[in-house]
Amino acid sequence: MKLEMEKLDGGIVELKLAGRMDVQGSQQIDLKFSAMTSANNGRFVVDLAGVEFLASIGIRTLMLSAKAVKARGGKMVLYGPNPSIAKVLEMASVDTVIPVLQDRDAALSAVAATA
């Protein structure tokens, strides 16, 4: 599992995930992902375009981080999941806690609106 971070204009942080968010993949990024979202108070867009598989442990990583960001007054938005990942997110009702959008521009607009 790969995790990259880029700081964007307006204090927005983009996190790009790629690979399999199964037990092994989630273990590889869990602490780093949590640390990135804890250290950077504010607004996050998470690119899921490179995620090939999403298990419940991966959903847990996303949900815990999003809830922690929200508790600090920030916002996290997921974007770009492929159709099978989008279906998993929908079935797990992730979209009731974390907005799931199809493209980067929509995600950036959604977090920018919280400024």
C-alpha atoms as a PDB file:
ATOM      1  CA  MET A   1       0.000   0.000   0.000  1.00  0.00           C
ATOM      2  CA  LYS A   2       1.317   3.427  -0.926  1.00  0.00           C
ATOM      3  CA  LEU A   3       0.491   6.711   0.795  1.00  0.00           C
ATOM      4  CA  GLU A   4       1.594  10.116  -0.495  1.00  0.00           C
ATOM      5  CA  MET A   5       0.837  13.549   0.922  1.00  0.00           C
ATOM      6  CA  GLU A   6       0.777  16.907  -0.849  1.00  0.00           C
ATOM      7  CA  LYS A   7      -0.032  20.277   0.701  1.00  0.00           C
ATOM      8  CA  LEU A   8      -2.258  22.328  -1.586  1.00  0.00           C
ATOM      9  CA  ASP A   9      -3.237  25.983  -1.638  1.00  0.00           C
ATOM     10  CA  GLY A  10      -5.626  27.154   1.046  1.00  0.00           C
ATOM     11  CA  GLY A  11      -4.350  24.775   3.707  1.00  0.00           C
ATOM     12  CA  ILE A  12      -5.843  21.699   2.050  1.00  0.00           C
ATOM     13  CA  VAL A  13      -3.895  18.443   2.304  1.00  0.00           C
ATOM     14  CA  GLU A  14      -4.259  15.783  -0.389  1.00  0.00           C
ATOM     15  CA  LEU A  15      -3.558  12.181   0.547  1.00  0.00           C
ATOM     16  CA  LYS A  16      -3.161   9.687  -2.283  1.00  0.00           C
ATOM     17  CA  LEU A  17      -3.693   6.001  -1.580  1.00  0.00           C
ATOM     18  CA  ALA A  18      -2.729   3.187  -3.932  1.00  0.00           C
ATOM     19  CA  GLY A  19      -2.809  -0.570  -3.559  1.00  0.00           C
ATOM     20  CA  ARG A  20      -4.854  -2.994  -1.503  1.00  0.00           C
ATOM     21  CA  MET A  21      -6.403  -1.771   1.737  1.00  0.00           C
ATOM     22  CA  ASP A  22      -6.591  -5.258   3.170  1.00  0.00           C
ATOM     23  CA  VAL A  23      -5.050  -6.337   6.503  1.00  0.00           C
ATOM     24  CA  GLN A  24      -1.474  -6.117   5.241  1.00  0.00           C
ATOM     25  CA  GLY A  25      -1.953  -2.908   3.253  1.00  0.00           C
ATOM     26  CA  SER A  26      -3.806  -1.150   6.053  1.00  0.00           C
ATOM     27  CA  GLN A  27      -1.113  -2.108   8.553  1.00  0.00           C
ATOM     28  CA  GLN A  28       1.469  -0.515   6.246  1.00  0.00           C
ATOM     29  CA  ILE A  29      -0.254   2.873   6.233  1.00  0.00           C
ATOM     30  CA  ASP A  30      -2.493   3.009   9.322  1.00  0.00           C
ATOM     31  CA  LEU A  31      -0.121   4.834  11.697  1.00  0.00           C
ATOM     32  CA  LYS A  32       1.261   7.105   8.985  1.00  0.00           C
ATOM     33  CA  PHE A  33      -2.243   8.003   7.747  1.00  0.00           C
ATOM     34  CA  SER A  34      -3.417   8.746  11.294  1.00  0.00           C
ATOM     35  CA  ALA A  35      -0.325  10.830  12.005  1.00  0.00           C
ATOM     36  CA  MET A  36      -0.760  12.860   8.807  1.00  0.00           C
ATOM     37  CA  THR A  37      -4.369  13.652   9.584  1.00  0.00           C
ATOM     38  CA  SER A  38      -3.528  14.457  13.226  1.00  0.00           C
ATOM     39  CA  ALA A  39      -0.522  16.667  12.542  1.00  0.00           C
ATOM     40  CA  ASN A  40      -2.256  18.743   9.901  1.00  0.00           C
ATOM     41  CA  ASN A  41      -5.360  20.294  11.399  1.00  0.00           C
ATOM     42  CA  GLY A  42      -7.818  21.225   8.757  1.00  0.00           C
ATOM     43  CA  ARG A  43      -9.088  19.962   5.471  1.00  0.00           C
ATOM     44  CA  PHE A  44      -8.219  16.758   3.664  1.00  0.00           C
ATOM     45  CA  VAL A  45      -9.049  15.258   0.284  1.00  0.00           C
ATOM     46  CA  VAL A  46      -8.240  11.569  -0.047  1.00  0.00           C
ATOM     47  CA  ASP A  47      -7.618  10.202  -3.547  1.00  0.00           C
ATOM     48  CA  LEU A  48      -8.872   6.607  -3.765  1.00  0.00           C
ATOM     49  CA  ALA A  49      -8.331   6.186  -7.523  1.00  0.00           C
ATOM     50  CA  GLY A  50      -5.361   3.881  -6.944  1.00  0.00           C
ATOM     51  CA  VAL A  51      -7.096   1.662  -4.374  1.00  0.00           C
ATOM     52  CA  GLU A  52      -7.680  -1.771  -5.897  1.00  0.00           C
ATOM     53  CA  PHE A  53      -9.329  -3.492  -2.924  1.00  0.00           C
ATOM     54  CA  LEU A  54     -10.942  -2.210   0.279  1.00  0.00           C
ATOM     55  CA  ALA A  55     -11.545  -4.465   3.276  1.00  0.00           C
ATOM     56  CA  SER A  56     -13.235  -3.588   6.549  1.00  0.00           C
ATOM     57  CA  ILE A  57      -9.883  -2.839   8.185  1.00  0.00           C
ATOM     58  CA  GLY A  58      -9.245  -0.202   5.503  1.00  0.00           C
ATOM     59  CA  ILE A  59     -12.682   1.297   6.074  1.00  0.00           C
ATOM     60  CA  ARG A  60     -11.811   1.465   9.775  1.00  0.00           C
ATOM     61  CA  THR A  61      -8.659   3.475   9.012  1.00  0.00           C
ATOM     62  CA  LEU A  62     -10.630   5.977   6.937  1.00  0.00           C
ATOM     63  CA  MET A  63     -13.499   6.276   9.421  1.00  0.00           C
ATOM     64  CA  LEU A  64     -11.342   6.753  12.523  1.00  0.00           C
ATOM     65  CA  SER A  65      -9.249   9.425  10.840  1.00  0.00           C
ATOM     66  CA  ALA A  66     -12.302  11.252   9.475  1.00  0.00           C
ATOM     67  CA  LYS A  67     -13.979  11.257  12.888  1.00  0.00           C
ATOM     68  CA  ALA A  68     -10.797  12.581  14.535  1.00  0.00           C
ATOM     69  CA  VAL A  69     -10.473  15.323  11.900  1.00  0.00           C
ATOM     70  CA  LYS A  70     -14.121  16.294  12.395  1.00  0.00           C
ATOM     71  CA  ALA A  71     -13.679  16.400  16.198  1.00  0.00           C
ATOM     72  CA  ARG A  72     -10.911  18.981  15.684  1.00  0.00           C
ATOM     73  CA  GLY A  73     -13.161  21.100  13.457  1.00  0.00           C
ATOM     74  CA  GLY A  74     -11.758  19.895  10.134  1.00  0.00           C
ATOM     75  CA  LYS A  75     -13.206  17.978   7.219  1.00  0.00           C
ATOM     76  CA  MET A  76     -12.194  14.950   5.170  1.00  0.00           C
ATOM     77  CA  VAL A  77     -13.573  14.066   1.745  1.00  0.00           C
ATOM     78  CA  LEU A  78     -12.870  10.918  -0.261  1.00  0.00           C
ATOM     79  CA  TYR A  79     -12.807  11.033  -4.049  1.00  0.00           C
ATOM     80  CA  GLY A  80     -12.197   9.017  -7.195  1.00  0.00           C
ATOM     81  CA  PRO A  81     -13.022   5.460  -6.108  1.00  0.00           C
ATOM     82  CA  ASN A  82     -13.409   2.921  -8.891  1.00  0.00           C
ATOM     83  CA  PRO A  83     -16.930   1.419  -9.193  1.00  0.00           C
ATOM     84  CA  SER A  84     -16.212  -1.618  -6.990  1.00  0.00           C
ATOM     85  CA  ILE A  85     -14.623   0.497  -4.228  1.00  0.00           C
ATOM     86  CA  ALA A  86     -17.503   2.996  -4.466  1.00  0.00           C
ATOM     87  CA  LYS A  87     -19.953   0.110  -3.978  1.00  0.00           C
ATOM     88  CA  VAL A  88     -18.065  -1.127  -0.888  1.00  0.00           C
ATOM     89  CA  LEU A  89     -18.098   2.396   0.588  1.00  0.00           C
ATOM     90  CA  GLU A  90     -21.825   2.698  -0.110  1.00  0.00           C
ATOM     91  CA  MET A  91     -22.653  -0.716   1.361  1.00  0.00           C
ATOM     92  CA  ALA A  92     -20.672   0.131   4.514  1.00  0.00           C
ATOM     93  CA  SER A  93     -22.503   3.503   4.746  1.00  0.00           C
ATOM     94  CA  VAL A  94     -19.170   5.327   4.794  1.00  0.00           C
ATOM     95  CA  ASP A  95     -20.791   8.125   2.791  1.00  0.00           C
ATOM     96  CA  THR A  96     -22.961   8.980   5.806  1.00  0.00           C
ATOM     97  CA  VAL A  97     -19.814   9.945   7.743  1.00  0.00           C
ATOM     98  CA  ILE A  98     -17.337  10.931   5.024  1.00  0.00           C
ATOM     99  CA  PRO A  99     -18.459  12.540   1.754  1.00  0.00           C
ATOM    100  CA  VAL A 100     -17.500  10.352  -1.221  1.00  0.00           C
ATOM    101  CA  LEU A 101     -17.223  12.306  -4.466  1.00  0.00           C
ATOM    102  CA  GLN A 102     -16.252  11.225  -7.963  1.00  0.00           C
ATOM    103  CA  ASP A 103     -13.637  13.805  -8.879  1.00  0.00           C
ATOM    104  CA  ARG A 104     -10.900  15.943  -7.387  1.00  0.00           C
ATOM    105  CA  ASP A 105     -12.469  19.299  -8.245  1.00  0.00           C
ATOM    106  CA  ALA A 106     -15.686  18.396  -6.404  1.00  0.00           C
ATOM    107  CA  ALA A 107     -13.671  17.184  -3.402  1.00  0.00           C
ATOM    108  CA  LEU A 108     -11.590  20.365  -3.296  1.00  0.00           C
ATOM    109  CA  SER A 109     -14.743  22.491  -3.529  1.00  0.00           C
ATOM    110  CA  ALA A 110     -16.359  20.526  -0.707  1.00  0.00           C
ATOM    111  CA  VAL A 111     -13.476  21.027   1.726  1.00  0.00           C
ATOM    112  CA  ALA A 112     -12.828  24.619   0.622  1.00  0.00           C
ATOM    113  CA  ALA A 113     -16.423  25.454   1.535  1.00  0.00           C
ATOM    114  CA  THR A 114     -15.597  24.695   5.183  1.00  0.00           C
ATOM    115  CA  ALA A 115     -13.020  27.487   5.374  1.00  0.00           C
END
